[in-house]
Amino acid sequence: MIGYARSVGQARTCSKRSRPPGVKRGCSKTRRVLIVGNSAGGVAAAEAARKQDARAEIRIVGREPYLAYHRPRLSFLLGKKAPVGSFLLHKKEWYDDLGITVVTGRSIVSAGSSVAVDDQGTEYGYDVMVLATGGVALIPPIKGKDLPGVFA
């Protein structure tokens, strides 16, 4: 899932075992991984990137105001009051322990070859970008889908 963006003369990691093919010894640059999408897929990509490179700078950017949560569990919460933390994939401490930065409430609106920009103008440099934004369900044009009490 995680690939390497190679540029002439750019090194990525420092040990022979963790170097991608084509990167020479003596490297010093920390690999920057930007994950767009704060979902189960984005979190799994961050965890895989961390296992692959203990020194990588890993950042997840997602538009929702919360840390990633179990979406299928939402149906069990209908009509009940439950704290947001009860269905998070991981607590904030998990991300902190792995050195993963999570930016919530932001959407990436443009990306170049090594810089992405969010909807508030913040720039994120990256060597590797993972798009884990998920999908949007197709809602057919059914009469009454916009009525109160109908969830589509």
C-alpha atoms as a PDB file:
ATOM      1  CA  MET A   1       0.000   0.000   0.000  1.00  0.00           C
ATOM      2  CA  ILE A   2       2.845   2.372   0.792  1.00  0.00           C
ATOM      3  CA  GLY A   3       5.112   3.231  -2.107  1.00  0.00           C
ATOM      4  CA  TYR A   4       8.160   5.407  -2.510  1.00  0.00           C
ATOM      5  CA  ALA A   5       8.367   8.615  -4.507  1.00  0.00           C
ATOM      6  CA  ARG A   6      11.888   8.750  -5.870  1.00  0.00           C
ATOM      7  CA  SER A   7      13.696  11.889  -6.882  1.00  0.00           C
ATOM      8  CA  VAL A   8      17.209  12.077  -8.222  1.00  0.00           C
ATOM      9  CA  GLY A   9      19.647  12.598  -5.365  1.00  0.00           C
ATOM     10  CA  GLN A  10      17.068  12.317  -2.592  1.00  0.00           C
ATOM     11  CA  ALA A  11      17.741   9.795   0.155  1.00  0.00           C
ATOM     12  CA  ARG A  12      14.971   8.382   2.315  1.00  0.00           C
ATOM     13  CA  THR A  13      16.150   6.355   5.311  1.00  0.00           C
ATOM     14  CA  CYS A  14      19.449   5.348   6.867  1.00  0.00           C
ATOM     15  CA  SER A  15      19.760   1.604   7.453  1.00  0.00           C
ATOM     16  CA  LYS A  16      20.411  -0.791   4.596  1.00  0.00           C
ATOM     17  CA  ARG A  17      17.450  -2.950   5.586  1.00  0.00           C
ATOM     18  CA  SER A  18      14.986  -0.056   5.513  1.00  0.00           C
ATOM     19  CA  ARG A  19      16.260   1.619   2.337  1.00  0.00           C
ATOM     20  CA  PRO A  20      14.048   1.382  -0.726  1.00  0.00           C
ATOM     21  CA  PRO A  21      15.678   0.027  -3.885  1.00  0.00           C
ATOM     22  CA  GLY A  22      17.926   2.563  -5.563  1.00  0.00           C
ATOM     23  CA  VAL A  23      18.712   4.633  -2.463  1.00  0.00           C
ATOM     24  CA  LYS A  24      22.411   4.729  -1.651  1.00  0.00           C
ATOM     25  CA  ARG A  25      24.238   4.588   1.670  1.00  0.00           C
ATOM     26  CA  GLY A  26      24.801   7.722   3.686  1.00  0.00           C
ATOM     27  CA  CYS A  27      21.220   8.881   3.467  1.00  0.00           C
ATOM     28  CA  SER A  28      19.982  11.377   5.998  1.00  0.00           C
ATOM     29  CA  LYS A  29      16.529  12.556   4.995  1.00  0.00           C
ATOM     30  CA  THR A  30      13.560  11.445   7.068  1.00  0.00           C
ATOM     31  CA  ARG A  31      10.781  10.068   4.884  1.00  0.00           C
ATOM     32  CA  ARG A  32       7.575  12.125   5.115  1.00  0.00           C
ATOM     33  CA  VAL A  33       4.342  10.171   4.762  1.00  0.00           C
ATOM     34  CA  LEU A  34       1.092  12.088   4.270  1.00  0.00           C
ATOM     35  CA  ILE A  35      -2.114  10.099   4.610  1.00  0.00           C
ATOM     36  CA  VAL A  36      -5.233  11.811   3.301  1.00  0.00           C
ATOM     37  CA  GLY A  37      -8.255  10.316   5.026  1.00  0.00           C
ATOM     38  CA  ASN A  38      -8.731   9.649   8.721  1.00  0.00           C
ATOM     39  CA  SER A  39     -10.507   6.292   8.484  1.00  0.00           C
ATOM     40  CA  ALA A  40      -9.689   2.663   9.272  1.00  0.00           C
ATOM     41  CA  GLY A  41      -7.768   2.505   5.983  1.00  0.00           C
ATOM     42  CA  GLY A  42      -5.796   5.639   6.767  1.00  0.00           C
ATOM     43  CA  VAL A  43      -4.933   4.430  10.257  1.00  0.00           C
ATOM     44  CA  ALA A  44      -3.868   1.024   8.891  1.00  0.00           C
ATOM     45  CA  ALA A  45      -1.635   2.784   6.357  1.00  0.00           C
ATOM     46  CA  ALA A  46      -0.068   4.872   9.140  1.00  0.00           C
ATOM     47  CA  GLU A  47       0.576   1.793  11.242  1.00  0.00           C
ATOM     48  CA  ALA A  48       2.128  -0.038   8.268  1.00  0.00           C
ATOM     49  CA  ALA A  49       4.313   2.983   7.486  1.00  0.00           C
ATOM     50  CA  ARG A  50       5.506   3.090  11.090  1.00  0.00           C
ATOM     51  CA  LYS A  51       6.379  -0.626  11.042  1.00  0.00           C
ATOM     52  CA  GLN A  52       8.277  -0.069   7.803  1.00  0.00           C
ATOM     53  CA  ASP A  53      10.204   2.991   8.990  1.00  0.00           C
ATOM     54  CA  ALA A  54      10.631   3.851  12.669  1.00  0.00           C
ATOM     55  CA  ARG A  55      11.948   7.328  11.817  1.00  0.00           C
ATOM     56  CA  ALA A  56       9.351   8.436   9.261  1.00  0.00           C
ATOM     57  CA  GLU A  57       7.333  11.595   9.820  1.00  0.00           C
ATOM     58  CA  ILE A  58       3.753  10.329   9.523  1.00  0.00           C
ATOM     59  CA  ARG A  59       0.782  12.687   9.309  1.00  0.00           C
ATOM     60  CA  ILE A  60      -2.907  11.843   8.826  1.00  0.00           C
ATOM     61  CA  VAL A  61      -5.206  14.628   7.599  1.00  0.00           C
ATOM     62  CA  GLY A  62      -8.978  14.121   7.757  1.00  0.00           C
ATOM     63  CA  ARG A  63     -12.017  16.339   7.376  1.00  0.00           C
ATOM     64  CA  GLU A  64     -13.991  15.010  10.351  1.00  0.00           C
ATOM     65  CA  PRO A  65     -13.474  16.663  13.749  1.00  0.00           C
ATOM     66  CA  TYR A  66     -12.717  13.339  15.502  1.00  0.00           C
ATOM     67  CA  LEU A  67     -10.014  10.722  15.515  1.00  0.00           C
ATOM     68  CA  ALA A  68     -10.822   7.699  13.324  1.00  0.00           C
ATOM     69  CA  TYR A  69     -13.774   5.674  14.614  1.00  0.00           C
ATOM     70  CA  HIS A  70     -15.541   2.377  13.934  1.00  0.00           C
ATOM     71  CA  ARG A  71     -18.188   3.409  11.408  1.00  0.00           C
ATOM     72  CA  PRO A  72     -20.111   0.103  11.538  1.00  0.00           C
ATOM     73  CA  ARG A  73     -20.645   0.598  15.293  1.00  0.00           C
ATOM     74  CA  LEU A  74     -22.615   3.784  14.665  1.00  0.00           C
ATOM     75  CA  SER A  75     -25.768   1.774  13.990  1.00  0.00           C
ATOM     76  CA  PHE A  76     -25.614   0.388  17.537  1.00  0.00           C
ATOM     77  CA  LEU A  77     -25.546   3.903  18.939  1.00  0.00           C
ATOM     78  CA  LEU A  78     -28.769   5.114  17.316  1.00  0.00           C
ATOM     79  CA  GLY A  79     -31.037   6.496  20.010  1.00  0.00           C
ATOM     80  CA  LYS A  80     -28.401   6.110  22.717  1.00  0.00           C
ATOM     81  CA  LYS A  81     -26.042   8.603  24.226  1.00  0.00           C
ATOM     82  CA  ALA A  82     -22.484   7.400  24.097  1.00  0.00           C
ATOM     83  CA  PRO A  83     -19.227   9.298  24.366  1.00  0.00           C
ATOM     84  CA  VAL A  84     -17.231   9.672  21.156  1.00  0.00           C
ATOM     85  CA  GLY A  85     -14.332   7.844  22.784  1.00  0.00           C
ATOM     86  CA  SER A  86     -16.362   4.649  23.098  1.00  0.00           C
ATOM     87  CA  PHE A  87     -16.052   3.889  19.384  1.00  0.00           C
ATOM     88  CA  LEU A  88     -12.679   5.361  18.430  1.00  0.00           C
ATOM     89  CA  LEU A  89     -10.284   3.019  16.640  1.00  0.00           C
ATOM     90  CA  HIS A  90      -7.477   4.195  18.948  1.00  0.00           C
ATOM     91  CA  LYS A  91      -7.155   6.773  21.685  1.00  0.00           C
ATOM     92  CA  LYS A  92      -4.942   9.823  21.205  1.00  0.00           C
ATOM     93  CA  GLU A  93      -2.182   8.215  23.272  1.00  0.00           C
ATOM     94  CA  TRP A  94      -1.815   5.410  20.692  1.00  0.00           C
ATOM     95  CA  TYR A  95      -1.026   7.948  17.964  1.00  0.00           C
ATOM     96  CA  ASP A  96       1.332   9.808  20.296  1.00  0.00           C
ATOM     97  CA  ASP A  97       3.160   6.590  21.247  1.00  0.00           C
ATOM     98  CA  LEU A  98       3.707   5.741  17.561  1.00  0.00           C
ATOM     99  CA  GLY A  99       4.703   9.291  16.644  1.00  0.00           C
ATOM    100  CA  ILE A 100       1.767   9.756  14.270  1.00  0.00           C
ATOM    101  CA  THR A 101       0.368  13.278  13.915  1.00  0.00           C
ATOM    102  CA  VAL A 102      -3.378  13.523  13.253  1.00  0.00           C
ATOM    103  CA  VAL A 103      -4.878  16.719  11.850  1.00  0.00           C
ATOM    104  CA  THR A 104      -8.682  16.735  12.130  1.00  0.00           C
ATOM    105  CA  GLY A 105     -11.240  19.064  10.621  1.00  0.00           C
ATOM    106  CA  ARG A 106      -9.194  19.717   7.470  1.00  0.00           C
ATOM    107  CA  SER A 107      -9.493  18.623   3.847  1.00  0.00           C
ATOM    108  CA  ILE A 108      -6.653  18.451   1.349  1.00  0.00           C
ATOM    109  CA  VAL A 109      -7.717  20.603  -1.603  1.00  0.00           C
ATOM    110  CA  SER A 110      -4.625  20.445  -3.812  1.00  0.00           C
ATOM    111  CA  ALA A 111      -1.451  18.426  -4.123  1.00  0.00           C
ATOM    112  CA  GLY A 112       1.696  18.880  -6.160  1.00  0.00           C
ATOM    113  CA  SER A 113       4.678  16.580  -6.521  1.00  0.00           C
ATOM    114  CA  SER A 114       5.803  17.056  -2.905  1.00  0.00           C
ATOM    115  CA  VAL A 115       3.428  19.517  -1.192  1.00  0.00           C
ATOM    116  CA  ALA A 116      -0.284  19.271  -0.386  1.00  0.00           C
ATOM    117  CA  VAL A 117      -2.458  22.170   0.803  1.00  0.00           C
ATOM    118  CA  ASP A 118      -5.517  21.947   3.031  1.00  0.00           C
ATOM    119  CA  ASP A 119      -8.693  24.034   2.968  1.00  0.00           C
ATOM    120  CA  GLN A 120      -7.212  26.515   5.464  1.00  0.00           C
ATOM    121  CA  GLY A 121      -4.012  27.064   3.486  1.00  0.00           C
ATOM    122  CA  THR A 122      -1.688  24.884   5.572  1.00  0.00           C
ATOM    123  CA  GLU A 123       0.987  23.159   3.500  1.00  0.00           C
ATOM    124  CA  TYR A 124       2.163  19.595   4.137  1.00  0.00           C
ATOM    125  CA  GLY A 125       5.390  18.407   2.565  1.00  0.00           C
ATOM    126  CA  TYR A 126       5.542  14.728   1.663  1.00  0.00           C
ATOM    127  CA  ASP A 127       7.646  12.100  -0.036  1.00  0.00           C
ATOM    128  CA  VAL A 128       4.826   9.547  -0.057  1.00  0.00           C
ATOM    129  CA  MET A 129       1.101  10.295  -0.162  1.00  0.00           C
ATOM    130  CA  VAL A 130      -1.551   7.689   0.598  1.00  0.00           C
ATOM    131  CA  LEU A 131      -5.123   8.471  -0.464  1.00  0.00           C
ATOM    132  CA  ALA A 132      -7.435   6.731   1.996  1.00  0.00           C
ATOM    133  CA  THR A 133     -10.520   8.905   1.648  1.00  0.00           C
ATOM    134  CA  GLY A 134     -13.018   6.081   1.324  1.00  0.00           C
ATOM    135  CA  GLY A 135     -16.039   6.352  -0.865  1.00  0.00           C
ATOM    136  CA  VAL A 136     -19.432   7.964  -1.076  1.00  0.00           C
ATOM    137  CA  ALA A 137     -22.501   5.811  -1.415  1.00  0.00           C
ATOM    138  CA  LEU A 138     -24.707   6.356  -4.435  1.00  0.00           C
ATOM    139  CA  ILE A 139     -28.157   7.444  -3.306  1.00  0.00           C
ATOM    140  CA  PRO A 140     -30.701   6.723  -6.028  1.00  0.00           C
ATOM    141  CA  PRO A 141     -33.319   9.382  -6.865  1.00  0.00           C
ATOM    142  CA  ILE A 142     -36.061   7.853  -4.701  1.00  0.00           C
ATOM    143  CA  LYS A 143     -39.087   9.991  -3.902  1.00  0.00           C
ATOM    144  CA  GLY A 144     -39.215  10.774  -0.183  1.00  0.00           C
ATOM    145  CA  LYS A 145     -35.517  10.270   0.544  1.00  0.00           C
ATOM    146  CA  ASP A 146     -35.366  13.808   1.978  1.00  0.00           C
ATOM    147  CA  LEU A 147     -38.295  13.382   4.380  1.00  0.00           C
ATOM    148  CA  PRO A 148     -37.754  13.674   8.138  1.00  0.00           C
ATOM    149  CA  GLY A 149     -36.849  10.324   9.670  1.00  0.00           C
ATOM    150  CA  VAL A 150     -35.376   8.971   6.419  1.00  0.00           C
ATOM    151  CA  PHE A 151     -31.621   8.478   6.574  1.00  0.00           C
ATOM    152  CA  ALA A 152     -29.783   8.104   3.314  1.00  0.00           C
END
